[in-house]
Amino acid sequence: MDLNEELLGFQELGARGWIALDVIEHLSSTQPELLEAMAHIVVNTQKSEIYLFEHTEEIPAFIIHCRGRIPGCQGNAQTRRITGALPDQKVTV
């Protein structure tokens, strides 16, 4: 998933190649109000995007890569955790 810096501002950790759960963790510590904002998701054969009503209904805030169009991972969640941008995730079995 990619974050649209035009709407969300500069992303120090990069705007491309995020995993959805990491986006939620990142936003909860940097822009928690976005997690409660009214949104509209569009998923069709042309696009998969999330629009935030408070910003604009014409420019997506998030671009979701799905339907076989997933680009190579460009983000590094481990680096984001090391820098403290994302908390460590403990997996229990």
C-alpha atoms as a PDB file:
ATOM      1  CA  MET A   1       0.000   0.000   0.000  1.00  0.00           C
ATOM      2  CA  ASP A   2       1.214   3.504  -0.770  1.00  0.00           C
ATOM      3  CA  LEU A   3       0.542   6.728   1.115  1.00  0.00           C
ATOM      4  CA  ASN A   4      -0.196   9.848  -0.920  1.00  0.00           C
ATOM      5  CA  GLU A   5       2.251  12.485   0.317  1.00  0.00           C
ATOM      6  CA  GLU A   6       0.335  15.165  -1.577  1.00  0.00           C
ATOM      7  CA  LEU A   7      -2.503  14.733   0.912  1.00  0.00           C
ATOM      8  CA  LEU A   8      -0.809  13.238   3.962  1.00  0.00           C
ATOM      9  CA  GLY A   9       2.415  15.219   3.902  1.00  0.00           C
ATOM     10  CA  PHE A  10       6.004  14.078   3.635  1.00  0.00           C
ATOM     11  CA  GLN A  11       6.547  10.564   4.962  1.00  0.00           C
ATOM     12  CA  GLU A  12      10.006  10.385   6.504  1.00  0.00           C
ATOM     13  CA  LEU A  13       9.954   6.580   6.367  1.00  0.00           C
ATOM     14  CA  GLY A  14       8.835   6.502   2.756  1.00  0.00           C
ATOM     15  CA  ALA A  15       5.405   6.541   1.195  1.00  0.00           C
ATOM     16  CA  ARG A  16       5.575   3.372  -0.897  1.00  0.00           C
ATOM     17  CA  GLY A  17       5.476  -0.319  -0.151  1.00  0.00           C
ATOM     18  CA  TRP A  18       3.751  -0.348   3.228  1.00  0.00           C
ATOM     19  CA  ILE A  19       1.929  -3.350   4.673  1.00  0.00           C
ATOM     20  CA  ALA A  20      -1.588  -2.390   5.761  1.00  0.00           C
ATOM     21  CA  LEU A  21      -1.056  -3.329   9.426  1.00  0.00           C
ATOM     22  CA  ASP A  22       2.128  -1.239   9.536  1.00  0.00           C
ATOM     23  CA  VAL A  23       0.223   1.744   8.101  1.00  0.00           C
ATOM     24  CA  ILE A  24      -2.325   1.425  10.900  1.00  0.00           C
ATOM     25  CA  GLU A  25       0.425   1.257  13.539  1.00  0.00           C
ATOM     26  CA  HIS A  26       2.270   4.196  11.988  1.00  0.00           C
ATOM     27  CA  LEU A  27      -0.844   6.367  11.738  1.00  0.00           C
ATOM     28  CA  SER A  28      -1.905   5.520  15.281  1.00  0.00           C
ATOM     29  CA  SER A  29       1.286   7.165  16.533  1.00  0.00           C
ATOM     30  CA  THR A  30       1.635   9.987  13.987  1.00  0.00           C
ATOM     31  CA  GLN A  31      -1.850  10.945  12.743  1.00  0.00           C
ATOM     32  CA  PRO A  32      -4.440   9.035  14.812  1.00  0.00           C
ATOM     33  CA  GLU A  33      -7.266  11.274  13.590  1.00  0.00           C
ATOM     34  CA  LEU A  34      -6.947   9.700  10.132  1.00  0.00           C
ATOM     35  CA  LEU A  35      -7.914   6.315  11.549  1.00  0.00           C
ATOM     36  CA  GLU A  36     -11.278   7.744  12.581  1.00  0.00           C
ATOM     37  CA  ALA A  37     -11.870   9.888   9.489  1.00  0.00           C
ATOM     38  CA  MET A  38     -14.777   9.173   7.173  1.00  0.00           C
ATOM     39  CA  ALA A  39     -13.447   7.352   4.134  1.00  0.00           C
ATOM     40  CA  HIS A  40     -14.545   5.813   0.877  1.00  0.00           C
ATOM     41  CA  ILE A  41     -12.827   2.789  -0.633  1.00  0.00           C
ATOM     42  CA  VAL A  42     -12.952   2.064  -4.351  1.00  0.00           C
ATOM     43  CA  VAL A  43     -11.946  -1.371  -5.596  1.00  0.00           C
ATOM     44  CA  ASN A  44     -12.597  -2.161  -9.236  1.00  0.00           C
ATOM     45  CA  THR A  45     -10.693  -3.304 -12.303  1.00  0.00           C
ATOM     46  CA  GLN A  46      -9.088   0.133 -12.738  1.00  0.00           C
ATOM     47  CA  LYS A  47      -8.084   1.076  -9.194  1.00  0.00           C
ATOM     48  CA  SER A  48      -7.995   0.187  -5.525  1.00  0.00           C
ATOM     49  CA  GLU A  49      -7.894   3.369  -3.474  1.00  0.00           C
ATOM     50  CA  ILE A  50      -9.044   4.935  -0.217  1.00  0.00           C
ATOM     51  CA  TYR A  51     -10.340   8.517  -0.240  1.00  0.00           C
ATOM     52  CA  LEU A  52     -10.689  10.634   2.898  1.00  0.00           C
ATOM     53  CA  PHE A  53     -13.772  12.863   2.814  1.00  0.00           C
ATOM     54  CA  GLU A  54     -12.136  15.505   5.020  1.00  0.00           C
ATOM     55  CA  HIS A  55      -9.389  16.030   2.436  1.00  0.00           C
ATOM     56  CA  THR A  56     -10.835  15.394  -1.008  1.00  0.00           C
ATOM     57  CA  GLU A  57     -13.006  12.880  -2.782  1.00  0.00           C
ATOM     58  CA  GLU A  58     -10.989  13.273  -5.978  1.00  0.00           C
ATOM     59  CA  ILE A  59      -7.446  12.392  -4.880  1.00  0.00           C
ATOM     60  CA  PRO A  60      -6.813   9.114  -3.029  1.00  0.00           C
ATOM     61  CA  ALA A  61      -5.026   9.206   0.316  1.00  0.00           C
ATOM     62  CA  PHE A  62      -3.991   5.562   0.038  1.00  0.00           C
ATOM     63  CA  ILE A  63      -3.372   3.333  -2.955  1.00  0.00           C
ATOM     64  CA  ILE A  64      -3.915  -0.364  -2.347  1.00  0.00           C
ATOM     65  CA  HIS A  65      -2.038  -2.860  -4.486  1.00  0.00           C
ATOM     66  CA  CYS A  66      -4.219  -5.875  -5.114  1.00  0.00           C
ATOM     67  CA  ARG A  67      -5.764  -7.963  -7.874  1.00  0.00           C
ATOM     68  CA  GLY A  68      -2.412  -9.279  -9.038  1.00  0.00           C
ATOM     69  CA  ARG A  69      -0.754  -5.862  -9.299  1.00  0.00           C
ATOM     70  CA  ILE A  70       1.374  -6.022  -6.183  1.00  0.00           C
ATOM     71  CA  PRO A  71       4.755  -4.301  -6.712  1.00  0.00           C
ATOM     72  CA  GLY A  72       7.920  -5.508  -5.055  1.00  0.00           C
ATOM     73  CA  CYS A  73       8.211  -4.454  -1.434  1.00  0.00           C
ATOM     74  CA  GLN A  74       9.906  -1.077  -1.246  1.00  0.00           C
ATOM     75  CA  GLY A  75       9.392  -0.432   2.414  1.00  0.00           C
ATOM     76  CA  ASN A  76      11.347  -2.071   5.161  1.00  0.00           C
ATOM     77  CA  ALA A  77       9.199  -2.720   8.198  1.00  0.00           C
ATOM     78  CA  GLN A  78      12.216  -3.904  10.196  1.00  0.00           C
ATOM     79  CA  THR A  79      14.030  -0.606   9.566  1.00  0.00           C
ATOM     80  CA  ARG A  80      10.876   1.268  10.488  1.00  0.00           C
ATOM     81  CA  ARG A  81      10.747  -0.662  13.767  1.00  0.00           C
ATOM     82  CA  ILE A  82      14.468  -0.121  14.487  1.00  0.00           C
ATOM     83  CA  THR A  83      14.049   3.639  14.066  1.00  0.00           C
ATOM     84  CA  GLY A  84      11.139   3.530  16.492  1.00  0.00           C
ATOM     85  CA  ALA A  85       8.519   4.499  13.928  1.00  0.00           C
ATOM     86  CA  LEU A  86       6.698   1.205  14.477  1.00  0.00           C
ATOM     87  CA  PRO A  87       6.512  -0.793  17.711  1.00  0.00           C
ATOM     88  CA  ASP A  88       7.946  -4.303  17.826  1.00  0.00           C
ATOM     89  CA  GLN A  89       5.344  -6.935  17.092  1.00  0.00           C
ATOM     90  CA  LYS A  90       5.408 -10.043  19.223  1.00  0.00           C
ATOM     91  CA  VAL A  91       3.938 -13.108  17.577  1.00  0.00           C
ATOM     92  CA  THR A  92       2.460 -15.743  19.858  1.00  0.00           C
ATOM     93  CA  VAL A  93       1.581 -19.223  18.753  1.00  0.00           C
END
